[in-house]
Amino acid sequence: MDAVVTAFGLVFEPYVLLVILFSAVFGLFVGAIPGLTATMATALLVPVTFFMPPVPAVAAIVTATAMAIFSGDIPSALLRMPGTPASAAYTDEAYLITRSGRPELALGSGLVFSVRGGIFGVLVLIVAAPALAEVALKFSSFEYFWLVLLGLSCAVFIAGSDPLKAIVSLLLGLLVSCVGLDNPAGAPRYTFGNAELTGGISMIPLMIGMFAISEVLRYSLASERAVMVVERPFGNVFAGMWALLKKYPVQLLRGSALGTAIGALPGAGADIAAWMSYAMSKKFSKEPEKFGTGHVEGIVESGAANNSALGGAWIPALVFGIPGDSITAIAIGVLYLKNMNPGPTLFVHNPQNIYAVFIVFILAQLLMLPLGWAAIKAAKQLLRIPGSVLMPLILLFCVVGSFAINNTAFGVVIMLVAGVVAFFMERFGFPIAPTILGVVLGTMLEENFFASLVKADGSVAAFFERPIAGALGALTLVVWFWPLLRRLLGRSRAAAARA
């Protein structure tokens, strides 16, 4: 208890509270600009933390990250431009809700359920960090291979009415992920002699192009151009949230639990958690036909998942010094810099610092409600800008965001090509989301597959020998063959009924 009291004293100092406030505003701003991800917000804060004591330094990173993950939902809902990759899973859903004249529903659900999911993740971090970290450490390349395959299988569930087109879109994403040197041989692959392609195709310009540029093209070529203005006044973003909580409590709990579990796996993170949670939401929904038409259920579940993953990612980071994602990889460097070396001894020698981090996590989530509301109120003015003015501005931000990733014009080229490809894909009924999912998970799938083959000396049986790998493999195979099994069972029951 002495350590807890000391931790409260460390956090509730005027200097630390000011750091938290300014970091929150900074995170909201960076996350809301497509191309400037939560990871970039964290990286930009690192030089500033050099001059801070340990607690405010970690508080700055925790707060900015939580805010950036949420604020990526704002351009998703208003402009169909995900601010961060974690928002991409439900971008179309949120945008369609806005286009139907209910922007406060899309943004309010994203804000409220992000906060609730984030608090769930933090509570799990506080209560079960050591136990969950031990489970996460048991994941080898075999387990990750099956986990990634399971994630890729989600592409069929988020596809809509045409699974074949979803599979084609997914294969296109996997093909894109093969470009570059990230392969076992380390040889250039699909680069066509272009030195820029040896580093692969950057995810952020690709995502900006496929979501935002395709929307600009669609607007420019439409015979009757859609007006971005919502006719009625922008309502209260908190209205109806209690009704949603009563309607979707299972989805909130399921998304929060899945997000925390995925976040605790080193290398997974909020992006994968959001995709898998959205797919699970559609799979188990009582109204799956409404997904893809502007249905809030997917936002409730995956919005909770991507924020709860933040708390989960800190579990292996604090207990074993293993980053759960790219953000905690940066945070671990700051912890070492401040002599808060991650590991079991941190809980013994500096418990007050750990409890201070926990308090900051909760404070950041609670602070998200008023500051997120203010950010939404400021951003709603975008809806009043005429399309003829807004679309060139969107294009300008897309160019700036794509260039800023690696400070090269090649990112802009990737963005433009991806936008044209996505435009034609959507025109012919091919969904965009599976392509993005394939790009996100393709490299991880290949790395873990070849690492597993090397360990197993080419034996396929080794992929099922470890208990967790075997369970994940069996689950993945059931997901793949379930439609066939269901059809065969239906036929056998029909034959038995006729007999």
Protein backbone atom coordinates (compact mmCIF):
# COMPACT_ATOMS: atom_id res chain seq x y z
CA MET A 1 0.00 0.00 0.00
CA ASP A 2 2.91 2.35 0.63
CA ALA A 3 3.99 1.83 -2.99
CA VAL A 4 0.46 2.59 -4.24
CA VAL A 5 0.26 5.80 -2.19
CA THR A 6 3.70 6.82 -3.47
CA ALA A 7 2.57 6.09 -7.04
CA PHE A 8 -0.45 8.40 -6.68
CA GLY A 9 1.89 11.10 -5.42
CA LEU A 10 4.18 10.62 -8.43
CA VAL A 11 1.32 10.91 -10.93
CA PHE A 12 -0.80 13.67 -9.41
CA GLU A 13 1.91 16.31 -9.53
CA PRO A 14 1.18 19.45 -11.58
CA TYR A 15 4.15 18.78 -13.88
CA VAL A 16 3.11 15.18 -14.62
CA LEU A 17 -0.52 16.17 -15.16
CA LEU A 18 0.55 18.87 -17.63
CA VAL A 19 2.71 16.32 -19.48
CA ILE A 20 -0.28 13.98 -19.69
CA LEU A 21 -2.54 16.78 -20.98
CA PHE A 22 -0.13 18.00 -23.66
CA SER A 23 0.69 14.43 -24.71
CA ALA A 24 -3.03 13.71 -25.07
CA VAL A 25 -3.56 16.70 -27.36
CA PHE A 26 -0.45 15.77 -29.35
CA GLY A 27 -1.64 12.15 -29.73
CA LEU A 28 -5.11 13.25 -30.87
CA PHE A 29 -3.58 15.53 -33.49
CA VAL A 30 -1.10 13.00 -34.88
CA GLY A 31 -3.57 10.11 -34.93
CA ALA A 32 -6.14 12.16 -36.82
CA ILE A 33 -3.76 12.85 -39.71
CA PRO A 34 -3.68 9.91 -42.16
CA GLY A 35 -0.14 8.67 -42.51
CA LEU A 36 1.02 9.83 -39.09
CA THR A 37 0.47 6.66 -37.05
CA ALA A 38 0.41 6.03 -33.30
CA THR A 39 3.88 4.54 -33.65
CA MET A 40 5.09 7.77 -35.22
CA ALA A 41 3.53 9.77 -32.38
CA THR A 42 5.45 7.63 -29.90
CA ALA A 43 8.71 7.96 -31.83
CA LEU A 44 8.36 11.75 -32.06
CA LEU A 45 7.98 11.97 -28.28
CA VAL A 46 11.17 10.01 -27.49
CA PRO A 47 13.58 12.98 -27.83
CA VAL A 48 11.35 15.01 -25.51
CA THR A 49 11.41 12.29 -22.84
CA PHE A 50 15.21 12.56 -22.58
CA PHE A 51 14.71 15.59 -20.33
CA MET A 52 11.96 14.11 -18.13
CA PRO A 53 11.99 12.01 -14.96
CA PRO A 54 10.86 8.35 -15.40
CA VAL A 55 7.14 8.66 -14.57
CA PRO A 56 6.28 11.66 -16.81
CA ALA A 57 8.41 10.16 -19.61
CA VAL A 58 6.41 6.93 -19.63
CA ALA A 59 3.17 8.86 -19.04
CA ALA A 60 3.79 10.90 -22.20
CA ILE A 61 4.14 7.77 -24.34
CA VAL A 62 1.18 5.93 -22.80
CA THR A 63 -1.17 8.91 -23.14
CA ALA A 64 -0.19 9.88 -26.68
CA THR A 65 -0.52 6.29 -27.89
CA ALA A 66 -4.00 5.78 -26.44
CA MET A 67 -5.23 9.06 -27.93
CA ALA A 68 -3.71 8.40 -31.36
CA ILE A 69 -5.34 4.97 -31.64
CA PHE A 70 -8.77 6.51 -31.02
CA SER A 71 -8.35 9.67 -33.10
CA GLY A 72 -7.58 7.54 -36.15
CA ASP A 73 -11.33 6.85 -36.13
CA ILE A 74 -12.17 10.50 -36.81
CA PRO A 75 -10.95 10.76 -40.44
CA SER A 76 -12.16 7.18 -40.96
CA ALA A 77 -15.73 8.15 -40.18
CA LEU A 78 -15.73 11.57 -41.81
CA LEU A 79 -13.54 11.10 -44.88
CA ARG A 80 -12.97 7.33 -45.29
CA MET A 81 -9.30 7.91 -44.48
CA PRO A 82 -8.11 5.79 -41.53
CA GLY A 83 -5.80 7.88 -39.39
CA THR A 84 -3.99 4.78 -38.10
CA PRO A 85 -3.88 1.17 -39.38
CA ALA A 86 -5.83 0.10 -36.29
CA SER A 87 -8.85 2.03 -37.63
CA ALA A 88 -8.76 0.48 -41.11
CA ALA A 89 -10.77 -2.63 -40.16
CA TYR A 90 -14.02 -0.71 -39.71
CA THR A 91 -13.37 2.37 -41.85
CA ASP A 92 -16.02 1.49 -44.44
CA GLU A 93 -18.57 0.75 -41.72
CA ALA A 94 -18.00 4.07 -39.95
CA TYR A 95 -17.97 6.05 -43.20
CA LEU A 96 -21.25 4.52 -44.38
CA ILE A 97 -22.87 5.43 -41.07
CA THR A 98 -21.70 9.02 -41.58
CA ARG A 99 -22.97 9.07 -45.16
CA SER A 100 -26.37 7.95 -43.90
CA GLY A 101 -26.53 11.11 -41.77
CA ARG A 102 -25.45 9.68 -38.41
CA PRO A 103 -21.82 10.82 -37.90
CA GLU A 104 -22.33 11.17 -34.14
CA LEU A 105 -23.20 7.47 -33.94
CA ALA A 106 -20.02 6.39 -35.76
CA LEU A 107 -17.74 8.70 -33.78
CA GLY A 108 -19.52 8.36 -30.44
CA SER A 109 -19.41 4.56 -30.53
CA GLY A 110 -15.75 4.66 -31.51
CA LEU A 111 -14.95 6.98 -28.61
CA VAL A 112 -17.03 5.37 -25.85
CA PHE A 113 -16.18 1.77 -26.67
CA SER A 114 -12.51 2.57 -27.21
CA VAL A 115 -12.44 3.93 -23.65
CA ARG A 116 -14.23 0.89 -22.25
CA GLY A 117 -12.01 -1.52 -24.15
CA GLY A 118 -8.93 0.40 -23.04
CA ILE A 119 -9.95 0.25 -19.38
CA PHE A 120 -10.58 -3.50 -19.72
CA GLY A 121 -7.07 -3.98 -21.12
CA VAL A 122 -5.54 -1.94 -18.32
CA LEU A 123 -7.38 -3.90 -15.64
CA VAL A 124 -6.14 -7.15 -17.15
CA LEU A 125 -2.63 -5.66 -17.27
CA ILE A 126 -2.85 -4.80 -13.57
CA VAL A 127 -4.38 -8.08 -12.39
CA ALA A 128 -2.89 -10.73 -14.64
CA ALA A 129 0.30 -9.34 -16.18
CA PRO A 130 2.73 -12.07 -15.03
CA ALA A 131 0.40 -15.00 -15.87
CA LEU A 132 -0.56 -13.72 -19.33
CA ALA A 133 3.04 -12.87 -20.14
CA GLU A 134 4.05 -16.47 -19.43
CA VAL A 135 1.41 -17.71 -21.90
CA ALA A 136 2.56 -15.21 -24.50
CA LEU A 137 6.14 -16.39 -24.14
CA LYS A 138 5.08 -19.93 -25.08
CA PHE A 139 4.25 -18.72 -28.58
CA SER A 140 6.93 -19.79 -31.04
CA SER A 141 6.94 -19.48 -34.83
CA PHE A 142 4.58 -22.47 -35.05
CA GLU A 143 1.90 -20.74 -33.00
CA TYR A 144 2.34 -17.47 -34.85
CA PHE A 145 2.04 -19.24 -38.20
CA TRP A 146 -1.39 -20.64 -37.27
CA LEU A 147 -2.46 -17.38 -35.64
CA VAL A 148 -1.66 -15.46 -38.82
CA LEU A 149 -3.45 -18.04 -40.97
CA LEU A 150 -6.47 -17.70 -38.71
CA GLY A 151 -6.28 -13.94 -39.12
CA LEU A 152 -6.10 -14.28 -42.91
CA SER A 153 -9.14 -16.54 -42.81
CA CYS A 154 -11.03 -13.56 -41.40
CA ALA A 155 -10.92 -12.05 -44.90
CA VAL A 156 -13.67 -14.42 -45.99
CA PHE A 157 -15.85 -13.42 -43.02
CA ILE A 158 -15.53 -9.69 -43.71
CA ALA A 159 -16.08 -10.23 -47.44
CA GLY A 160 -19.82 -9.82 -47.74
CA SER A 161 -21.82 -11.82 -50.23
CA ASP A 162 -19.00 -12.96 -52.55
CA PRO A 163 -16.28 -14.99 -50.79
CA LEU A 164 -14.51 -15.76 -54.09
CA LYS A 165 -13.85 -12.08 -54.78
CA ALA A 166 -12.66 -11.70 -51.19
CA ILE A 167 -10.15 -14.51 -51.68
CA VAL A 168 -8.88 -12.89 -54.90
CA SER A 169 -8.51 -9.59 -53.04
CA LEU A 170 -6.67 -11.35 -50.20
CA LEU A 171 -4.28 -13.05 -52.65
CA LEU A 172 -3.53 -9.66 -54.19
CA GLY A 173 -2.57 -8.36 -50.72
CA LEU A 174 -0.34 -11.40 -50.12
CA LEU A 175 1.32 -10.81 -53.50
CA VAL A 176 2.03 -7.20 -52.57
CA SER A 177 3.57 -8.34 -49.27
CA CYS A 178 6.05 -10.52 -51.23
CA VAL A 179 7.72 -7.52 -52.87
CA GLY A 180 11.23 -6.70 -51.63
CA LEU A 181 14.01 -8.49 -49.76
CA ASP A 182 12.01 -9.84 -46.81
CA ASN A 183 12.31 -13.48 -47.76
CA PRO A 184 14.52 -16.40 -46.63
CA ALA A 185 16.98 -16.03 -49.52
CA GLY A 186 17.35 -12.26 -49.07
CA ALA A 187 17.12 -11.89 -52.86
CA PRO A 188 15.18 -9.15 -54.65
CA ARG A 189 11.68 -10.39 -55.44
CA TYR A 190 9.15 -8.72 -57.76
CA THR A 191 11.26 -5.55 -57.80
CA PHE A 192 11.75 -5.46 -61.62
CA GLY A 193 15.14 -3.85 -61.13
CA ASN A 194 13.71 -0.92 -59.16
CA ALA A 195 15.90 -0.12 -56.16
CA GLU A 196 12.97 1.55 -54.34
CA LEU A 197 11.03 -1.71 -54.32
CA THR A 198 13.79 -3.66 -52.58
CA GLY A 199 12.51 -2.28 -49.28
CA GLY A 200 9.03 -3.56 -50.03
CA ILE A 201 5.80 -1.63 -50.46
CA SER A 202 5.15 0.59 -47.46
CA MET A 203 1.89 -0.12 -45.68
CA ILE A 204 0.82 3.44 -44.89
CA PRO A 205 0.96 4.92 -48.44
CA LEU A 206 -0.76 1.79 -49.72
CA MET A 207 -3.54 2.12 -47.17
CA ILE A 208 -3.97 5.86 -47.79
CA GLY A 209 -4.21 5.22 -51.53
CA MET A 210 -6.69 2.36 -51.32
CA PHE A 211 -9.04 4.18 -48.97
CA ALA A 212 -8.64 7.88 -49.64
CA ILE A 213 -7.45 8.25 -53.25
CA SER A 214 -10.08 5.81 -54.48
CA GLU A 215 -12.69 7.99 -52.75
CA VAL A 216 -11.29 11.13 -54.43
CA LEU A 217 -11.45 9.39 -57.83
CA ARG A 218 -14.98 8.17 -57.19
CA TYR A 219 -16.09 11.68 -56.28
CA SER A 220 -14.36 13.24 -59.30
CA LEU A 221 -15.87 10.80 -61.80
CA ALA A 222 -19.37 10.62 -60.35
CA SER A 223 -22.11 12.06 -62.55
CA GLU A 224 -24.00 13.25 -59.45
CA ARG A 225 -21.37 14.22 -56.96
CA ALA A 226 -22.19 13.37 -53.38
CA VAL A 227 -22.24 16.26 -50.97
CA MET A 228 -20.22 15.78 -47.81
CA VAL A 229 -22.55 17.93 -45.70
CA VAL A 230 -24.83 16.15 -43.25
CA GLU A 231 -28.19 17.89 -43.58
CA ARG A 232 -29.27 17.91 -39.94
CA PRO A 233 -27.21 19.38 -37.06
CA PHE A 234 -24.37 17.29 -35.69
CA GLY A 235 -25.90 15.67 -32.59
CA ASN A 236 -24.61 14.65 -29.20
CA VAL A 237 -21.95 11.95 -29.65
CA PHE A 238 -22.88 10.37 -26.31
CA ALA A 239 -26.57 10.03 -27.14
CA GLY A 240 -27.63 6.41 -27.48
CA MET A 241 -24.38 4.98 -26.13
CA TRP A 242 -26.08 3.48 -23.08
CA ALA A 243 -28.58 1.76 -25.38
CA LEU A 244 -25.70 0.34 -27.44
CA LEU A 245 -24.03 -0.95 -24.29
CA LYS A 246 -27.23 -2.75 -23.27
CA LYS A 247 -27.65 -4.12 -26.79
CA TYR A 248 -24.05 -5.28 -27.36
CA PRO A 249 -22.55 -6.25 -23.96
CA VAL A 250 -21.26 -9.57 -25.30
CA GLN A 251 -19.60 -7.85 -28.27
CA LEU A 252 -17.92 -5.33 -25.97
CA LEU A 253 -16.60 -8.05 -23.67
CA ARG A 254 -15.55 -10.30 -26.56
CA GLY A 255 -13.74 -7.50 -28.39
CA SER A 256 -11.99 -6.31 -25.22
CA ALA A 257 -10.90 -9.84 -24.30
CA LEU A 258 -9.68 -10.68 -27.81
CA GLY A 259 -7.86 -7.37 -28.12
CA THR A 260 -6.07 -7.87 -24.81
CA ALA A 261 -5.10 -11.43 -25.73
CA ILE A 262 -3.82 -10.46 -29.20
CA GLY A 263 -1.99 -7.44 -27.76
CA ALA A 264 -0.18 -9.68 -25.27
CA LEU A 265 1.32 -11.70 -28.12
CA PRO A 266 4.69 -10.20 -29.11
CA GLY A 267 4.54 -8.70 -32.59
CA ALA A 268 0.76 -8.74 -32.99
CA GLY A 269 -0.67 -5.40 -31.82
CA ALA A 270 -3.82 -3.32 -32.23
CA ASP A 271 -4.00 -3.61 -36.04
CA ILE A 272 -4.41 -7.39 -36.08
CA ALA A 273 -6.68 -7.25 -33.01
CA ALA A 274 -9.07 -4.88 -34.80
CA TRP A 275 -9.23 -7.01 -37.97
CA MET A 276 -9.80 -10.27 -36.11
CA SER A 277 -12.37 -8.70 -33.80
CA TYR A 278 -14.33 -7.22 -36.70
CA ALA A 279 -14.39 -10.58 -38.45
CA MET A 280 -15.49 -12.33 -35.26
CA SER A 281 -18.22 -9.75 -34.77
CA LYS A 282 -19.64 -10.46 -38.21
CA LYS A 283 -19.28 -14.23 -37.84
CA PHE A 284 -21.27 -14.39 -34.60
CA SER A 285 -23.67 -11.52 -35.30
CA LYS A 286 -27.41 -12.08 -35.38
CA GLU A 287 -27.50 -9.59 -38.27
CA PRO A 288 -24.46 -10.43 -40.44
CA GLU A 289 -26.21 -9.14 -43.57
CA LYS A 290 -26.04 -5.59 -42.18
CA PHE A 291 -22.23 -5.57 -42.06
CA GLY A 292 -20.80 -3.49 -44.87
CA THR A 293 -23.91 -1.31 -45.04
CA GLY A 294 -23.17 0.98 -42.07
CA HIS A 295 -23.75 -1.24 -39.02
CA VAL A 296 -22.47 -0.08 -35.65
CA GLU A 297 -21.97 -3.56 -34.14
CA GLY A 298 -18.59 -4.04 -35.85
CA ILE A 299 -17.38 -0.66 -34.55
CA VAL A 300 -18.41 -1.55 -31.00
CA GLU A 301 -16.40 -4.77 -30.98
CA SER A 302 -13.32 -3.86 -33.00
CA GLY A 303 -13.13 -0.35 -31.48
CA ALA A 304 -12.94 -1.94 -28.05
CA ALA A 305 -10.37 -4.46 -29.32
CA ASN A 306 -7.81 -2.04 -30.73
CA ASN A 307 -7.66 0.02 -27.54
CA SER A 308 -7.64 -2.98 -25.19
CA ALA A 309 -4.68 -4.30 -27.20
CA LEU A 310 -2.62 -1.37 -25.92
CA GLY A 311 -2.84 -2.63 -22.34
CA GLY A 312 -2.22 -6.19 -23.48
CA ALA A 313 0.93 -5.19 -25.38
CA TRP A 314 2.47 -3.84 -22.17
CA ILE A 315 2.14 -7.22 -20.41
CA PRO A 316 5.19 -8.91 -22.02
CA ALA A 317 6.93 -5.52 -22.22
CA LEU A 318 6.86 -4.86 -18.47
CA VAL A 319 7.27 -8.42 -17.21
CA PHE A 320 9.87 -9.76 -19.65
CA GLY A 321 11.07 -6.80 -21.69
CA ILE A 322 9.62 -8.28 -24.87
CA PRO A 323 7.69 -5.72 -26.99
CA GLY A 324 4.09 -6.58 -27.76
CA ASP A 325 4.14 -4.24 -30.77
CA SER A 326 6.22 -1.48 -32.35
CA ILE A 327 4.94 1.08 -29.84
CA THR A 328 6.05 -0.90 -26.79
CA ALA A 329 9.36 -1.57 -28.54
CA ILE A 330 9.98 2.18 -28.41
CA ALA A 331 8.62 2.37 -24.87
CA ILE A 332 11.04 -0.34 -23.67
CA GLY A 333 13.92 1.80 -24.90
CA VAL A 334 12.62 4.69 -22.81
CA LEU A 335 12.25 2.40 -19.77
CA TYR A 336 15.89 1.33 -20.07
CA LEU A 337 16.92 4.94 -20.52
CA LYS A 338 15.18 5.86 -17.25
CA ASN A 339 16.66 2.89 -15.31
CA MET A 340 13.26 1.18 -15.18
CA ASN A 341 14.62 -2.00 -16.72
CA PRO A 342 11.67 -4.27 -17.60
CA GLY A 343 11.50 -7.65 -15.93
CA PRO A 344 10.29 -9.32 -12.76
CA THR A 345 12.76 -7.32 -10.65
CA LEU A 346 10.98 -4.10 -11.66
CA PHE A 347 7.95 -5.24 -9.64
CA VAL A 348 10.21 -5.89 -6.64
CA HIS A 349 12.66 -2.97 -6.63
CA ASN A 350 10.50 -0.19 -8.12
CA PRO A 351 6.84 -1.12 -7.49
CA GLN A 352 5.84 2.53 -7.14
CA ASN A 353 6.92 3.21 -10.74
CA ILE A 354 4.89 0.24 -12.02
CA TYR A 355 1.80 1.36 -10.10
CA ALA A 356 2.33 4.86 -11.45
CA VAL A 357 2.28 3.47 -15.00
CA PHE A 358 -0.99 1.66 -14.21
CA ILE A 359 -2.55 4.87 -12.85
CA VAL A 360 -1.44 6.79 -15.95
CA PHE A 361 -3.07 4.15 -18.16
CA ILE A 362 -6.42 4.57 -16.39
CA LEU A 363 -6.11 8.36 -16.34
CA ALA A 364 -5.37 8.45 -20.08
CA GLN A 365 -8.46 6.38 -20.86
CA LEU A 366 -10.70 8.58 -18.71
CA LEU A 367 -9.17 11.74 -20.19
CA MET A 368 -10.01 10.40 -23.65
CA LEU A 369 -13.73 11.05 -23.09
CA PRO A 370 -13.65 14.87 -22.73
CA LEU A 371 -10.70 15.43 -25.07
CA GLY A 372 -12.07 12.99 -27.66
CA TRP A 373 -15.41 14.80 -27.52
CA ALA A 374 -13.63 18.11 -28.11
CA ALA A 375 -11.66 16.64 -31.03
CA ILE A 376 -14.86 15.33 -32.63
CA LYS A 377 -16.57 18.70 -32.22
CA ALA A 378 -13.63 20.41 -33.93
CA ALA A 379 -13.44 17.82 -36.71
CA LYS A 380 -17.16 17.98 -37.53
CA GLN A 381 -16.53 21.23 -39.39
CA LEU A 382 -15.07 19.05 -42.17
CA LEU A 383 -18.60 17.96 -43.01
CA ARG A 384 -19.56 21.51 -43.90
CA ILE A 385 -16.80 21.97 -46.48
CA PRO A 386 -18.02 21.58 -50.07
CA GLY A 387 -16.69 18.51 -51.86
CA SER A 388 -15.00 20.61 -54.54
CA VAL A 389 -12.84 22.16 -51.82
CA LEU A 390 -12.52 19.18 -49.51
CA MET A 391 -11.34 16.62 -52.07
CA PRO A 392 -8.26 18.64 -53.18
CA LEU A 393 -7.42 19.16 -49.50
CA ILE A 394 -7.72 15.42 -48.89
CA LEU A 395 -5.42 14.79 -51.85
CA LEU A 396 -2.90 17.26 -50.43
CA PHE A 397 -2.90 15.56 -47.01
CA CYS A 398 -2.57 12.18 -48.70
CA VAL A 399 0.52 13.33 -50.58
CA VAL A 400 2.07 14.86 -47.45
CA GLY A 401 1.33 11.78 -45.33
CA SER A 402 2.69 9.35 -47.92
CA PHE A 403 5.84 11.39 -48.45
CA ALA A 404 6.45 11.78 -44.69
CA ILE A 405 6.74 8.02 -44.06
CA ASN A 406 10.21 7.66 -45.62
CA ASN A 407 10.78 11.18 -46.97
CA THR A 408 10.69 9.88 -50.52
CA ALA A 409 8.47 10.59 -53.51
CA PHE A 410 8.17 6.86 -54.11
CA GLY A 411 5.64 6.69 -51.28
CA VAL A 412 3.44 9.10 -53.24
CA VAL A 413 3.72 6.86 -56.32
CA ILE A 414 2.65 3.83 -54.27
CA MET A 415 -0.30 5.80 -52.93
CA LEU A 416 -1.49 6.90 -56.38
CA VAL A 417 -1.15 3.44 -57.95
CA ALA A 418 -2.93 1.84 -55.00
CA GLY A 419 -5.74 4.38 -55.28
CA VAL A 420 -6.33 3.61 -58.95
CA VAL A 421 -6.23 -0.15 -58.33
CA ALA A 422 -8.66 0.15 -55.40
CA PHE A 423 -11.01 2.30 -57.48
CA PHE A 424 -11.32 -0.37 -60.16
CA MET A 425 -11.51 -3.17 -57.57
CA GLU A 426 -14.49 -1.57 -55.89
CA ARG A 427 -16.13 -0.77 -59.21
CA PHE A 428 -16.09 -4.49 -60.08
CA GLY A 429 -17.16 -5.62 -56.62
CA PHE A 430 -13.83 -6.69 -55.11
CA PRO A 431 -13.58 -5.66 -51.42
CA ILE A 432 -10.59 -3.62 -50.28
CA ALA A 433 -10.31 -4.85 -46.68
CA PRO A 434 -8.94 -8.34 -47.52
CA THR A 435 -6.15 -6.77 -49.59
CA ILE A 436 -5.08 -4.61 -46.64
CA LEU A 437 -5.28 -7.62 -44.35
CA GLY A 438 -3.08 -9.65 -46.73
CA VAL A 439 -0.45 -6.90 -46.79
CA VAL A 440 -0.47 -6.58 -42.98
CA LEU A 441 -0.10 -10.30 -42.30
CA GLY A 442 1.71 -11.58 -45.40
CA THR A 443 5.26 -10.91 -44.25
CA MET A 444 4.58 -12.33 -40.79
CA LEU A 445 3.09 -15.46 -42.37
CA GLU A 446 6.13 -16.07 -44.55
CA GLU A 447 8.68 -15.42 -41.80
CA ASN A 448 7.02 -17.76 -39.32
CA PHE A 449 6.39 -20.46 -41.94
CA PHE A 450 10.02 -20.69 -43.00
CA ALA A 451 11.31 -20.37 -39.43
CA SER A 452 9.04 -23.27 -38.45
CA LEU A 453 10.18 -25.39 -41.39
CA VAL A 454 13.81 -24.85 -40.44
CA LYS A 455 13.12 -25.83 -36.82
CA ALA A 456 11.13 -28.89 -37.90
CA ASP A 457 13.65 -29.94 -40.55
CA GLY A 458 10.85 -29.87 -43.12
CA SER A 459 8.39 -31.97 -41.11
CA VAL A 460 4.75 -30.85 -41.47
CA ALA A 461 3.74 -32.86 -38.38
CA ALA A 462 5.76 -30.47 -36.20
CA PHE A 463 3.19 -27.76 -36.90
CA PHE A 464 0.71 -29.74 -34.76
CA GLU A 465 3.00 -31.22 -32.09
CA ARG A 466 3.04 -28.31 -29.65
CA PRO A 467 -0.24 -28.05 -27.65
CA ILE A 468 -1.08 -24.41 -28.44
CA ALA A 469 0.02 -24.77 -32.08
CA GLY A 470 -2.06 -27.92 -32.45
CA ALA A 471 -5.14 -26.23 -31.03
CA LEU A 472 -4.72 -23.16 -33.26
CA GLY A 473 -4.07 -25.41 -36.28
CA ALA A 474 -7.18 -27.48 -35.59
CA LEU A 475 -9.27 -24.31 -35.16
CA THR A 476 -7.95 -22.88 -38.43
CA LEU A 477 -8.74 -26.07 -40.34
CA VAL A 478 -12.25 -26.17 -38.85
CA VAL A 479 -12.80 -22.57 -40.00
CA TRP A 480 -11.62 -23.46 -43.51
CA PHE A 481 -13.67 -26.61 -43.93
CA TRP A 482 -16.71 -25.67 -41.87
CA PRO A 483 -18.84 -24.63 -44.92
CA LEU A 484 -18.12 -28.00 -46.55
CA LEU A 485 -18.81 -29.89 -43.33
CA ARG A 486 -22.03 -27.99 -42.80
CA ARG A 487 -23.16 -28.81 -46.33
CA LEU A 488 -22.34 -32.51 -45.91
CA LEU A 489 -24.15 -32.61 -42.56
CA GLY A 490 -27.16 -30.93 -44.13
CA ARG A 491 -27.26 -33.50 -46.91
CA SER A 492 -26.94 -36.40 -44.49
CA ARG A 493 -29.77 -35.05 -42.35
CA ALA A 494 -31.96 -34.54 -45.42
CA ALA A 495 -31.26 -38.09 -46.56
CA ALA A 496 -32.07 -39.42 -43.07
CA ALA A 497 -35.34 -37.45 -43.03
CA ARG A 498 -36.38 -38.84 -46.44
CA ALA A 499 -35.56 -42.39 -45.22
